[in-house]
Amino acid sequence: MPTDKKQINIVDDDESVCRALKCLLMTFGFEVTTFLSGEQYLSEARDDFKGCLILDIHMPGLDGWEVLRRCIKSGTKRPIIIISAEKNSELKKQAIKLGAVGFFQKPVNAQELVDLINRSY
């Protein structure tokens, strides 16, 4: 059954971050699916997914940078937003250079995130 809700995929190895972002974004009317690893996302995400991807950088195994590279290399048109708990001013520049539409340091400002998602659609 088709939905008119904007779709969001969240990839973060911290289950509490996934849960918090999912609850937050659902209150803004988004349909949200979470993944706890880069590997899980790449193997389970729907090919026809047209929504926004929110991607943590630091994860065990396949990290966010590699997932971002693979998504961009595959020709994806979906907007990708990078999030990280790391305090490093260069991360935003690197994320944008690699093809992300935005970068947020955790904890994420809810309204700024929602505004970027809405502008990216």
PDB file of N, CA and C in Angstrom:
ATOM      1  N   MET A   1       0.850  -1.191   0.000  1.00  0.00           N
ATOM      2  CA  MET A   1       0.000   0.000   0.000  1.00  0.00           C
ATOM      3  C   MET A   1       0.890   1.247   0.000  1.00  0.00           C
ATOM      4  N   PRO A   2       0.799   2.089  -1.001  1.00  0.00           N
ATOM      5  CA  PRO A   2       1.648   3.278  -1.076  1.00  0.00           C
ATOM      6  C   PRO A   2       1.358   4.245   0.068  1.00  0.00           C
ATOM      7  N   THR A   3       2.397   4.947   0.463  1.00  0.00           N
ATOM      8  CA  THR A   3       2.242   5.927   1.538  1.00  0.00           C
ATOM      9  C   THR A   3       2.665   7.301   1.036  1.00  0.00           C
ATOM     10  N   ASP A   4       2.005   8.322   1.549  1.00  0.00           N
ATOM     11  CA  ASP A   4       2.368   9.686   1.186  1.00  0.00           C
ATOM     12  C   ASP A   4       3.413  10.237   2.148  1.00  0.00           C
ATOM     13  N   LYS A   5       3.730   9.480   3.195  1.00  0.00           N
ATOM     14  CA  LYS A   5       4.710   9.951   4.167  1.00  0.00           C
ATOM     15  C   LYS A   5       6.109   9.927   3.560  1.00  0.00           C
ATOM     16  N   LYS A   6       6.895  10.926   3.921  1.00  0.00           N
ATOM     17  CA  LYS A   6       8.297  10.934   3.507  1.00  0.00           C
ATOM     18  C   LYS A   6       9.030   9.850   4.284  1.00  0.00           C
ATOM     19  N   GLN A   7       9.883   9.137   3.574  1.00  0.00           N
ATOM     20  CA  GLN A   7      10.575   8.006   4.172  1.00  0.00           C
ATOM     21  C   GLN A   7      11.987   8.375   4.616  1.00  0.00           C
ATOM     22  N   ILE A   8      12.374   7.812   5.767  1.00  0.00           N
ATOM     23  CA  ILE A   8      13.706   8.024   6.324  1.00  0.00           C
ATOM     24  C   ILE A   8      14.285   6.671   6.701  1.00  0.00           C
ATOM     25  N   ASN A   9      15.543   6.424   6.334  1.00  0.00           N
ATOM     26  CA  ASN A   9      16.300   5.292   6.849  1.00  0.00           C
ATOM     27  C   ASN A   9      17.373   5.840   7.771  1.00  0.00           C
ATOM     28  N   ILE A  10      17.509   5.241   8.945  1.00  0.00           N
ATOM     29  CA  ILE A  10      18.530   5.639   9.913  1.00  0.00           C
ATOM     30  C   ILE A  10      19.480   4.468  10.113  1.00  0.00           C
ATOM     31  N   VAL A  11      20.784   4.729  10.002  1.00  0.00           N
ATOM     32  CA  VAL A  11      21.794   3.699  10.253  1.00  0.00           C
ATOM     33  C   VAL A  11      22.702   4.195  11.370  1.00  0.00           C
ATOM     34  N   ASP A  12      22.627   3.526  12.527  1.00  0.00           N
ATOM     35  CA  ASP A  12      23.464   3.875  13.675  1.00  0.00           C
ATOM     36  C   ASP A  12      23.592   2.626  14.540  1.00  0.00           C
ATOM     37  N   ASP A  13      24.804   2.331  14.989  1.00  0.00           N
ATOM     38  CA  ASP A  13      25.010   1.138  15.799  1.00  0.00           C
ATOM     39  C   ASP A  13      24.504   1.293  17.230  1.00  0.00           C
ATOM     40  N   ASP A  14      24.148   2.496  17.618  1.00  0.00           N
ATOM     41  CA  ASP A  14      23.604   2.750  18.949  1.00  0.00           C
ATOM     42  C   ASP A  14      22.075   2.673  18.878  1.00  0.00           C
ATOM     43  N   GLU A  15      21.548   1.596  19.440  1.00  0.00           N
ATOM     44  CA  GLU A  15      20.101   1.369  19.368  1.00  0.00           C
ATOM     45  C   GLU A  15      19.296   2.505  19.984  1.00  0.00           C
ATOM     46  N   SER A  16      19.818   3.128  21.046  1.00  0.00           N
ATOM     47  CA  SER A  16      19.085   4.221  21.688  1.00  0.00           C
ATOM     48  C   SER A  16      19.021   5.452  20.775  1.00  0.00           C
ATOM     49  N   VAL A  17      20.059   5.692  19.984  1.00  0.00           N
ATOM     50  CA  VAL A  17      20.038   6.797  19.021  1.00  0.00           C
ATOM     51  C   VAL A  17      18.999   6.502  17.939  1.00  0.00           C
ATOM     52  N   CYS A  18      18.998   5.271  17.438  1.00  0.00           N
ATOM     53  CA  CYS A  18      18.003   4.891  16.422  1.00  0.00           C
ATOM     54  C   CYS A  18      16.587   5.090  16.950  1.00  0.00           C
ATOM     55  N   ARG A  19      16.350   4.618  18.164  1.00  0.00           N
ATOM     56  CA  ARG A  19      15.020   4.713  18.759  1.00  0.00           C
ATOM     57  C   ARG A  19      14.614   6.170  18.956  1.00  0.00           C
ATOM     58  N   ALA A  20      15.535   6.996  19.478  1.00  0.00           N
ATOM     59  CA  ALA A  20      15.218   8.404  19.733  1.00  0.00           C
ATOM     60  C   ALA A  20      14.938   9.156  18.431  1.00  0.00           C
ATOM     61  N   LEU A  21      15.805   8.960  17.424  1.00  0.00           N
ATOM     62  CA  LEU A  21      15.587   9.638  16.140  1.00  0.00           C
ATOM     63  C   LEU A  21      14.303   9.157  15.470  1.00  0.00           C
ATOM     64  N   LYS A  22      14.028   7.860  15.567  1.00  0.00           N
ATOM     65  CA  LYS A  22      12.796   7.328  14.968  1.00  0.00           C
ATOM     66  C   LYS A  22      11.565   7.966  15.608  1.00  0.00           C
ATOM     67  N   CYS A  23      11.536   7.996  16.942  1.00  0.00           N
ATOM     68  CA  CYS A  23      10.397   8.613  17.645  1.00  0.00           C
ATOM     69  C   CYS A  23      10.250  10.083  17.269  1.00  0.00           C
ATOM     70  N   LEU A  24      11.364  10.792  17.263  1.00  0.00           N
ATOM     71  CA  LEU A  24      11.354  12.207  16.915  1.00  0.00           C
ATOM     72  C   LEU A  24      10.794  12.422  15.513  1.00  0.00           C
ATOM     73  N   LEU A  25      11.339  11.706  14.543  1.00  0.00           N
ATOM     74  CA  LEU A  25      10.946  11.922  13.149  1.00  0.00           C
ATOM     75  C   LEU A  25       9.516  11.462  12.873  1.00  0.00           C
ATOM     76  N   MET A  26       9.073  10.434  13.577  1.00  0.00           N
ATOM     77  CA  MET A  26       7.689   9.989  13.410  1.00  0.00           C
ATOM     78  C   MET A  26       6.712  11.058  13.892  1.00  0.00           C
ATOM     79  N   THR A  27       7.092  11.841  14.913  1.00  0.00           N
ATOM     80  CA  THR A  27       6.208  12.908  15.382  1.00  0.00           C
ATOM     81  C   THR A  27       6.070  14.009  14.332  1.00  0.00           C
ATOM     82  N   PHE A  28       7.030  14.085  13.409  1.00  0.00           N
ATOM     83  CA  PHE A  28       6.958  15.046  12.308  1.00  0.00           C
ATOM     84  C   PHE A  28       6.302  14.438  11.066  1.00  0.00           C
ATOM     85  N   GLY A  29       5.794  13.215  11.198  1.00  0.00           N
ATOM     86  CA  GLY A  29       5.046  12.599  10.107  1.00  0.00           C
ATOM     87  C   GLY A  29       5.859  11.759   9.140  1.00  0.00           C
ATOM     88  N   PHE A  30       7.101  11.449   9.478  1.00  0.00           N
ATOM     89  CA  PHE A  30       7.926  10.627   8.595  1.00  0.00           C
ATOM     90  C   PHE A  30       7.700   9.145   8.863  1.00  0.00           C
ATOM     91  N   GLU A  31       7.911   8.330   7.841  1.00  0.00           N
ATOM     92  CA  GLU A  31       7.941   6.877   7.977  1.00  0.00           C
ATOM     93  C   GLU A  31       9.413   6.502   8.148  1.00  0.00           C
ATOM     94  N   VAL A  32       9.762   5.825   9.252  1.00  0.00           N
ATOM     95  CA  VAL A  32      11.165   5.609   9.603  1.00  0.00           C
ATOM     96  C   VAL A  32      11.485   4.124   9.744  1.00  0.00           C
ATOM     97  N   THR A  33      12.605   3.731   9.144  1.00  0.00           N
ATOM     98  CA  THR A  33      13.148   2.388   9.308  1.00  0.00           C
ATOM     99  C   THR A  33      14.567   2.539   9.841  1.00  0.00           C
ATOM    100  N   THR A  34      14.935   1.703  10.825  1.00  0.00           N
ATOM    101  CA  THR A  34      16.267   1.789  11.407  1.00  0.00           C
ATOM    102  C   THR A  34      17.089   0.539  11.104  1.00  0.00           C
ATOM    103  N   PHE A  35      18.387   0.732  11.061  1.00  0.00           N
ATOM    104  CA  PHE A  35      19.359  -0.335  10.834  1.00  0.00           C
ATOM    105  C   PHE A  35      20.503  -0.125  11.818  1.00  0.00           C
ATOM    106  N   LEU A  36      21.006  -1.219  12.409  1.00  0.00           N
ATOM    107  CA  LEU A  36      22.028  -1.108  13.446  1.00  0.00           C
ATOM    108  C   LEU A  36      23.451  -1.288  12.928  1.00  0.00           C
ATOM    109  N   SER A  37      23.607  -1.418  11.618  1.00  0.00           N
ATOM    110  CA  SER A  37      24.960  -1.522  11.047  1.00  0.00           C
ATOM    111  C   SER A  37      24.917  -1.154   9.567  1.00  0.00           C
ATOM    112  N   GLY A  38      26.083  -0.801   9.049  1.00  0.00           N
ATOM    113  CA  GLY A  38      26.186  -0.532   7.615  1.00  0.00           C
ATOM    114  C   GLY A  38      25.883  -1.769   6.806  1.00  0.00           C
ATOM    115  N   GLU A  39      26.353  -2.916   7.281  1.00  0.00           N
ATOM    116  CA  GLU A  39      26.101  -4.182   6.578  1.00  0.00           C
ATOM    117  C   GLU A  39      24.610  -4.483   6.521  1.00  0.00           C
ATOM    118  N   GLN A  40      23.910  -4.295   7.650  1.00  0.00           N
ATOM    119  CA  GLN A  40      22.475  -4.551   7.688  1.00  0.00           C
ATOM    120  C   GLN A  40      21.747  -3.632   6.709  1.00  0.00           C
ATOM    121  N   TYR A  41      22.114  -2.370   6.697  1.00  0.00           N
ATOM    122  CA  TYR A  41      21.473  -1.427   5.787  1.00  0.00           C
ATOM    123  C   TYR A  41      21.664  -1.848   4.331  1.00  0.00           C
ATOM    124  N   LEU A  42      22.910  -2.142   3.950  1.00  0.00           N
ATOM    125  CA  LEU A  42      23.183  -2.488   2.552  1.00  0.00           C
ATOM    126  C   LEU A  42      22.522  -3.792   2.131  1.00  0.00           C
ATOM    127  N   SER A  43      22.334  -4.710   3.058  1.00  0.00           N
ATOM    128  CA  SER A  43      21.724  -5.989   2.690  1.00  0.00           C
ATOM    129  C   SER A  43      20.203  -6.001   2.807  1.00  0.00           C
ATOM    130  N   GLU A  44      19.637  -5.123   3.649  1.00  0.00           N
ATOM    131  CA  GLU A  44      18.193  -5.185   3.899  1.00  0.00           C
ATOM    132  C   GLU A  44      17.377  -4.001   3.396  1.00  0.00           C
ATOM    133  N   ALA A  45      18.012  -2.885   3.095  1.00  0.00           N
ATOM    134  CA  ALA A  45      17.251  -1.701   2.663  1.00  0.00           C
ATOM    135  C   ALA A  45      16.584  -1.981   1.320  1.00  0.00           C
ATOM    136  N   ARG A  46      15.388  -1.490   1.174  1.00  0.00           N
ATOM    137  CA  ARG A  46      14.645  -1.683  -0.073  1.00  0.00           C
ATOM    138  C   ARG A  46      15.313  -0.929  -1.217  1.00  0.00           C
ATOM    139  N   ASP A  47      15.428  -1.597  -2.350  1.00  0.00           N
ATOM    140  CA  ASP A  47      16.032  -0.975  -3.529  1.00  0.00           C
ATOM    141  C   ASP A  47      15.211   0.205  -4.037  1.00  0.00           C
ATOM    142  N   ASP A  48      13.896   0.158  -3.821  1.00  0.00           N
ATOM    143  CA  ASP A  48      13.022   1.217  -4.330  1.00  0.00           C
ATOM    144  C   ASP A  48      12.861   2.368  -3.334  1.00  0.00           C
ATOM    145  N   PHE A  49      13.625   2.316  -2.244  1.00  0.00           N
ATOM    146  CA  PHE A  49      13.560   3.373  -1.232  1.00  0.00           C
ATOM    147  C   PHE A  49      13.968   4.698  -1.866  1.00  0.00           C
ATOM    148  N   LYS A  50      13.139   5.707  -1.717  1.00  0.00           N
ATOM    149  CA  LYS A  50      13.411   7.003  -2.337  1.00  0.00           C
ATOM    150  C   LYS A  50      13.652   8.105  -1.312  1.00  0.00           C
ATOM    151  N   GLY A  51      13.643   7.749  -0.041  1.00  0.00           N
ATOM    152  CA  GLY A  51      13.728   8.756   1.001  1.00  0.00           C
ATOM    153  C   GLY A  51      15.139   9.131   1.384  1.00  0.00           C
ATOM    154  N   CYS A  52      15.233   9.774   2.523  1.00  0.00           N
ATOM    155  CA  CYS A  52      16.485  10.302   3.050  1.00  0.00           C
ATOM    156  C   CYS A  52      17.177   9.258   3.927  1.00  0.00           C
ATOM    157  N   LEU A  53      18.495   9.231   3.853  1.00  0.00           N
ATOM    158  CA  LEU A  53      19.306   8.337   4.677  1.00  0.00           C
ATOM    159  C   LEU A  53      20.048   9.167   5.716  1.00  0.00           C
ATOM    160  N   ILE A  54      19.896   8.812   6.986  1.00  0.00           N
ATOM    161  CA  ILE A  54      20.658   9.431   8.072  1.00  0.00           C
ATOM    162  C   ILE A  54      21.666   8.388   8.522  1.00  0.00           C
ATOM    163  N   LEU A  55      22.933   8.751   8.460  1.00  0.00           N
ATOM    164  CA  LEU A  55      24.004   7.772   8.576  1.00  0.00           C
ATOM    165  C   LEU A  55      25.052   8.196   9.604  1.00  0.00           C
ATOM    166  N   ASP A  56      25.262   7.340  10.609  1.00  0.00           N
ATOM    167  CA  ASP A  56      26.319   7.580  11.593  1.00  0.00           C
ATOM    168  C   ASP A  56      27.669   7.237  10.968  1.00  0.00           C
ATOM    169  N   ILE A  57      28.706   7.958  11.353  1.00  0.00           N
ATOM    170  CA  ILE A  57      30.040   7.705  10.801  1.00  0.00           C
ATOM    171  C   ILE A  57      30.714   6.514  11.469  1.00  0.00           C
ATOM    172  N   HIS A  58      30.800   6.556  12.783  1.00  0.00           N
ATOM    173  CA  HIS A  58      31.598   5.571  13.512  1.00  0.00           C
ATOM    174  C   HIS A  58      30.757   4.383  13.940  1.00  0.00           C
ATOM    175  N   MET A  59      30.918   3.285  13.213  1.00  0.00           N
ATOM    176  CA  MET A  59      30.243   2.034  13.528  1.00  0.00           C
ATOM    177  C   MET A  59      31.250   0.912  13.331  1.00  0.00           C
ATOM    178  N   PRO A  60      31.124  -0.155  14.121  1.00  0.00           N
ATOM    179  CA  PRO A  60      32.014  -1.294  13.888  1.00  0.00           C
ATOM    180  C   PRO A  60      31.711  -1.938  12.533  1.00  0.00           C
ATOM    181  N   GLY A  61      32.694  -2.588  11.972  1.00  0.00           N
ATOM    182  CA  GLY A  61      32.498  -3.194  10.658  1.00  0.00           C
ATOM    183  C   GLY A  61      32.497  -2.127   9.590  1.00  0.00           C
ATOM    184  N   LEU A  62      31.470  -2.135   8.778  1.00  0.00           N
ATOM    185  CA  LEU A  62      31.341  -1.173   7.684  1.00  0.00           C
ATOM    186  C   LEU A  62      30.927   0.179   8.259  1.00  0.00           C
ATOM    187  N   ASP A  63      31.843   1.138   8.252  1.00  0.00           N
ATOM    188  CA  ASP A  63      31.526   2.432   8.861  1.00  0.00           C
ATOM    189  C   ASP A  63      30.711   3.316   7.910  1.00  0.00           C
ATOM    190  N   GLY A  64      30.268   4.438   8.449  1.00  0.00           N
ATOM    191  CA  GLY A  64      29.416   5.343   7.678  1.00  0.00           C
ATOM    192  C   GLY A  64      30.082   5.918   6.445  1.00  0.00           C
ATOM    193  N   TRP A  65      31.384   6.174   6.521  1.00  0.00           N
ATOM    194  CA  TRP A  65      32.090   6.710   5.346  1.00  0.00           C
ATOM    195  C   TRP A  65      32.011   5.719   4.188  1.00  0.00           C
ATOM    196  N   GLU A  66      32.217   4.437   4.487  1.00  0.00           N
ATOM    197  CA  GLU A  66      32.185   3.423   3.431  1.00  0.00           C
ATOM    198  C   GLU A  66      30.766   3.245   2.883  1.00  0.00           C
ATOM    199  N   VAL A  67      29.768   3.274   3.754  1.00  0.00           N
ATOM    200  CA  VAL A  67      28.381   3.189   3.286  1.00  0.00           C
ATOM    201  C   VAL A  67      28.068   4.381   2.388  1.00  0.00           C
ATOM    202  N   LEU A  68      28.494   5.577   2.793  1.00  0.00           N
ATOM    203  CA  LEU A  68      28.294   6.778   1.976  1.00  0.00           C
ATOM    204  C   LEU A  68      28.954   6.604   0.613  1.00  0.00           C
ATOM    205  N   ARG A  69      30.213   6.167   0.602  1.00  0.00           N
ATOM    206  CA  ARG A  69      30.921   5.965  -0.671  1.00  0.00           C
ATOM    207  C   ARG A  69      30.185   4.971  -1.574  1.00  0.00           C
ATOM    208  N   ARG A  70      29.742   3.876  -0.992  1.00  0.00           N
ATOM    209  CA  ARG A  70      29.037   2.856  -1.788  1.00  0.00           C
ATOM    210  C   ARG A  70      27.717   3.385  -2.335  1.00  0.00           C
ATOM    211  N   CYS A  71      27.001   4.141  -1.527  1.00  0.00           N
ATOM    212  CA  CYS A  71      25.728   4.718  -1.992  1.00  0.00           C
ATOM    213  C   CYS A  71      25.966   5.682  -3.143  1.00  0.00           C
ATOM    214  N   ILE A  72      26.951   6.567  -2.996  1.00  0.00           N
ATOM    215  CA  ILE A  72      27.256   7.548  -4.039  1.00  0.00           C
ATOM    216  C   ILE A  72      27.728   6.823  -5.303  1.00  0.00           C
ATOM    217  N   LYS A  73      28.594   5.832  -5.138  1.00  0.00           N
ATOM    218  CA  LYS A  73      29.121   5.068  -6.279  1.00  0.00           C
ATOM    219  C   LYS A  73      28.001   4.344  -7.029  1.00  0.00           C
ATOM    220  N   SER A  74      26.971   3.911  -6.300  1.00  0.00           N
ATOM    221  CA  SER A  74      25.855   3.193  -6.926  1.00  0.00           C
ATOM    222  C   SER A  74      24.944   4.138  -7.710  1.00  0.00           C
ATOM    223  N   GLY A  75      25.177   5.452  -7.568  1.00  0.00           N
ATOM    224  CA  GLY A  75      24.382   6.422  -8.304  1.00  0.00           C
ATOM    225  C   GLY A  75      23.120   6.856  -7.584  1.00  0.00           C
ATOM    226  N   THR A  76      23.052   6.614  -6.297  1.00  0.00           N
ATOM    227  CA  THR A  76      21.850   6.969  -5.541  1.00  0.00           C
ATOM    228  C   THR A  76      21.517   8.455  -5.687  1.00  0.00           C
ATOM    229  N   LYS A  77      20.255   8.745  -5.725  1.00  0.00           N
ATOM    230  CA  LYS A  77      19.782  10.132  -5.746  1.00  0.00           C
ATOM    231  C   LYS A  77      19.213  10.530  -4.393  1.00  0.00           C
ATOM    232  N   ARG A  78      19.158   9.574  -3.452  1.00  0.00           N
ATOM    233  CA  ARG A  78      18.584   9.892  -2.144  1.00  0.00           C
ATOM    234  C   ARG A  78      19.526  10.809  -1.366  1.00  0.00           C
ATOM    235  N   PRO A  79      18.969  11.784  -0.667  1.00  0.00           N
ATOM    236  CA  PRO A  79      19.803  12.652   0.152  1.00  0.00           C
ATOM    237  C   PRO A  79      20.357  11.876   1.345  1.00  0.00           C
ATOM    238  N   ILE A  80      21.635  12.106   1.657  1.00  0.00           N
ATOM    239  CA  ILE A  80      22.286  11.429   2.768  1.00  0.00           C
ATOM    240  C   ILE A  80      22.779  12.483   3.752  1.00  0.00           C
ATOM    241  N   ILE A  81      22.395  12.311   5.005  1.00  0.00           N
ATOM    242  CA  ILE A  81      22.800  13.201   6.083  1.00  0.00           C
ATOM    243  C   ILE A  81      23.692  12.404   7.024  1.00  0.00           C
ATOM    244  N   ILE A  82      24.857  12.948   7.335  1.00  0.00           N
ATOM    245  CA  ILE A  82      25.810  12.292   8.228  1.00  0.00           C
ATOM    246  C   ILE A  82      25.639  12.844   9.638  1.00  0.00           C
ATOM    247  N   ILE A  83      25.698  11.937  10.625  1.00  0.00           N
ATOM    248  CA  ILE A  83      25.677  12.346  12.033  1.00  0.00           C
ATOM    249  C   ILE A  83      26.873  11.710  12.742  1.00  0.00           C
ATOM    250  N   SER A  84      27.358  12.386  13.773  1.00  0.00           N
ATOM    251  CA  SER A  84      28.489  11.857  14.525  1.00  0.00           C
ATOM    252  C   SER A  84      28.555  12.478  15.908  1.00  0.00           C
ATOM    253  N   ALA A  85      29.018  11.698  16.867  1.00  0.00           N
ATOM    254  CA  ALA A  85      29.255  12.221  18.209  1.00  0.00           C
ATOM    255  C   ALA A  85      30.640  12.854  18.310  1.00  0.00           C
ATOM    256  N   GLU A  86      31.479  12.589  17.319  1.00  0.00           N
ATOM    257  CA  GLU A  86      32.843  13.112  17.341  1.00  0.00           C
ATOM    258  C   GLU A  86      32.849  14.633  17.177  1.00  0.00           C
ATOM    259  N   LYS A  87      33.658  15.280  17.966  1.00  0.00           N
ATOM    260  CA  LYS A  87      33.789  16.734  17.884  1.00  0.00           C
ATOM    261  C   LYS A  87      35.002  17.062  17.019  1.00  0.00           C
ATOM    262  N   ASN A  88      34.759  17.264  15.747  1.00  0.00           N
ATOM    263  CA  ASN A  88      35.827  17.530  14.789  1.00  0.00           C
ATOM    264  C   ASN A  88      35.250  18.418  13.696  1.00  0.00           C
ATOM    265  N   SER A  89      35.731  19.624  13.593  1.00  0.00           N
ATOM    266  CA  SER A  89      35.177  20.599  12.648  1.00  0.00           C
ATOM    267  C   SER A  89      35.393  20.197  11.185  1.00  0.00           C
ATOM    268  N   GLU A  90      36.324  19.308  10.926  1.00  0.00           N
ATOM    269  CA  GLU A  90      36.604  18.888   9.552  1.00  0.00           C
ATOM    270  C   GLU A  90      35.603  17.855   9.035  1.00  0.00           C
ATOM    271  N   LEU A  91      34.860  17.207   9.925  1.00  0.00           N
ATOM    272  CA  LEU A  91      33.944  16.145   9.501  1.00  0.00           C
ATOM    273  C   LEU A  91      32.858  16.664   8.568  1.00  0.00           C
ATOM    274  N   LYS A  92      32.329  17.854   8.868  1.00  0.00           N
ATOM    275  CA  LYS A  92      31.276  18.411   8.013  1.00  0.00           C
ATOM    276  C   LYS A  92      31.809  18.637   6.604  1.00  0.00           C
ATOM    277  N   LYS A  93      33.004  19.213   6.492  1.00  0.00           N
ATOM    278  CA  LYS A  93      33.599  19.446   5.171  1.00  0.00           C
ATOM    279  C   LYS A  93      33.796  18.134   4.426  1.00  0.00           C
ATOM    280  N   GLN A  94      34.302  17.130   5.137  1.00  0.00           N
ATOM    281  CA  GLN A  94      34.539  15.832   4.516  1.00  0.00           C
ATOM    282  C   GLN A  94      33.223  15.192   4.057  1.00  0.00           C
ATOM    283  N   ALA A  95      32.190  15.271   4.888  1.00  0.00           N
ATOM    284  CA  ALA A  95      30.892  14.688   4.549  1.00  0.00           C
ATOM    285  C   ALA A  95      30.311  15.327   3.283  1.00  0.00           C
ATOM    286  N   ILE A  96      30.349  16.643   3.212  1.00  0.00           N
ATOM    287  CA  ILE A  96      29.818  17.365   2.055  1.00  0.00           C
ATOM    288  C   ILE A  96      30.644  17.043   0.809  1.00  0.00           C
ATOM    289  N   LYS A  97      31.961  16.999   0.967  1.00  0.00           N
ATOM    290  CA  LYS A  97      32.852  16.689  -0.157  1.00  0.00           C
ATOM    291  C   LYS A  97      32.558  15.304  -0.732  1.00  0.00           C
ATOM    292  N   LEU A  98      32.210  14.347   0.151  1.00  0.00           N
ATOM    293  CA  LEU A  98      31.932  12.981  -0.307  1.00  0.00           C
ATOM    294  C   LEU A  98      30.521  12.819  -0.879  1.00  0.00           C
ATOM    295  N   GLY A  99      29.664  13.842  -0.715  1.00  0.00           N
ATOM    296  CA  GLY A  99      28.345  13.773  -1.340  1.00  0.00           C
ATOM    297  C   GLY A  99      27.155  13.865  -0.415  1.00  0.00           C
ATOM    298  N   ALA A 100      27.388  14.006   0.895  1.00  0.00           N
ATOM    299  CA  ALA A 100      26.271  14.160   1.818  1.00  0.00           C
ATOM    300  C   ALA A 100      25.645  15.546   1.650  1.00  0.00           C
ATOM    301  N   VAL A 101      24.358  15.660   1.971  1.00  0.00           N
ATOM    302  CA  VAL A 101      23.684  16.962   1.886  1.00  0.00           C
ATOM    303  C   VAL A 101      23.807  17.758   3.175  1.00  0.00           C
ATOM    304  N   GLY A 102      24.261  17.084   4.239  1.00  0.00           N
ATOM    305  CA  GLY A 102      24.404  17.780   5.504  1.00  0.00           C
ATOM    306  C   GLY A 102      25.112  16.939   6.541  1.00  0.00           C
ATOM    307  N   PHE A 103      25.467  17.591   7.643  1.00  0.00           N
ATOM    308  CA  PHE A 103      26.179  16.948   8.736  1.00  0.00           C
ATOM    309  C   PHE A 103      25.671  17.519  10.051  1.00  0.00           C
ATOM    310  N   PHE A 104      25.444  16.648  11.033  1.00  0.00           N
ATOM    311  CA  PHE A 104      25.034  17.085  12.365  1.00  0.00           C
ATOM    312  C   PHE A 104      25.865  16.377  13.406  1.00  0.00           C
ATOM    313  N   GLN A 105      26.244  17.136  14.413  1.00  0.00           N
ATOM    314  CA  GLN A 105      26.912  16.541  15.561  1.00  0.00           C
ATOM    315  C   GLN A 105      25.841  16.138  16.567  1.00  0.00           C
ATOM    316  N   LYS A 106      25.996  14.973  17.167  1.00  0.00           N
ATOM    317  CA  LYS A 106      25.057  14.519  18.204  1.00  0.00           C
ATOM    318  C   LYS A 106      25.322  15.294  19.488  1.00  0.00           C
ATOM    319  N   PRO A 107      24.304  15.634  20.255  1.00  0.00           N
ATOM    320  CA  PRO A 107      22.900  15.409  19.953  1.00  0.00           C
ATOM    321  C   PRO A 107      22.418  16.335  18.834  1.00  0.00           C
ATOM    322  N   VAL A 108      21.597  15.797  17.993  1.00  0.00           N
ATOM    323  CA  VAL A 108      21.124  16.497  16.806  1.00  0.00           C
ATOM    324  C   VAL A 108      20.029  17.489  17.177  1.00  0.00           C
ATOM    325  N   ASN A 109      20.089  18.687  16.591  1.00  0.00           N
ATOM    326  CA  ASN A 109      19.026  19.678  16.763  1.00  0.00           C
ATOM    327  C   ASN A 109      17.841  19.225  15.906  1.00  0.00           C
ATOM    328  N   ALA A 110      16.745  18.886  16.560  1.00  0.00           N
ATOM    329  CA  ALA A 110      15.590  18.292  15.883  1.00  0.00           C
ATOM    330  C   ALA A 110      15.050  19.163  14.751  1.00  0.00           C
ATOM    331  N   GLN A 111      14.827  20.440  15.031  1.00  0.00           N
ATOM    332  CA  GLN A 111      14.228  21.304  14.011  1.00  0.00           C
ATOM    333  C   GLN A 111      15.162  21.495  12.822  1.00  0.00           C
ATOM    334  N   GLU A 112      16.460  21.639  13.071  1.00  0.00           N
ATOM    335  CA  GLU A 112      17.412  21.786  11.964  1.00  0.00           C
ATOM    336  C   GLU A 112      17.457  20.522  11.111  1.00  0.00           C
ATOM    337  N   LEU A 113      17.392  19.350  11.760  1.00  0.00           N
ATOM    338  CA  LEU A 113      17.390  18.088  11.015  1.00  0.00           C
ATOM    339  C   LEU A 113      16.137  17.980  10.151  1.00  0.00           C
ATOM    340  N   VAL A 114      14.988  18.241  10.729  1.00  0.00           N
ATOM    341  CA  VAL A 114      13.726  18.153   9.979  1.00  0.00           C
ATOM    342  C   VAL A 114      13.717  19.159   8.830  1.00  0.00           C
ATOM    343  N   ASP A 115      14.204  20.363   9.078  1.00  0.00           N
ATOM    344  CA  ASP A 115      14.256  21.376   8.018  1.00  0.00           C
ATOM    345  C   ASP A 115      15.142  20.905   6.870  1.00  0.00           C
ATOM    346  N   LEU A 116      16.311  20.322   7.165  1.00  0.00           N
ATOM    347  CA  LEU A 116      17.192  19.828   6.112  1.00  0.00           C
ATOM    348  C   LEU A 116      16.552  18.679   5.342  1.00  0.00           C
ATOM    349  N   ILE A 117      15.912  17.762   6.050  1.00  0.00           N
ATOM    350  CA  ILE A 117      15.224  16.655   5.384  1.00  0.00           C
ATOM    351  C   ILE A 117      14.168  17.200   4.423  1.00  0.00           C
ATOM    352  N   ASN A 118      13.368  18.134   4.895  1.00  0.00           N
ATOM    353  CA  ASN A 118      12.302  18.691   4.045  1.00  0.00           C
ATOM    354  C   ASN A 118      12.880  19.448   2.837  1.00  0.00           C
ATOM    355  N   ARG A 119      13.975  20.150   3.015  1.00  0.00           N
ATOM    356  CA  ARG A 119      14.610  20.859   1.882  1.00  0.00           C
ATOM    357  C   ARG A 119      15.236  19.879   0.889  1.00  0.00           C
ATOM    358  N   SER A 120      15.657  18.712   1.373  1.00  0.00           N
ATOM    359  CA  SER A 120      16.361  17.744   0.533  1.00  0.00           C
ATOM    360  C   SER A 120      15.447  16.912  -0.343  1.00  0.00           C
ATOM    361  N   TYR A 121      14.164  16.870  -0.004  1.00  0.00           N
ATOM    362  CA  TYR A 121      13.215  16.051  -0.775  1.00  0.00           C
ATOM    363  C   TYR A 121      12.914  16.704  -2.107  1.00  0.00           C
TER     364      TYR A 121
END
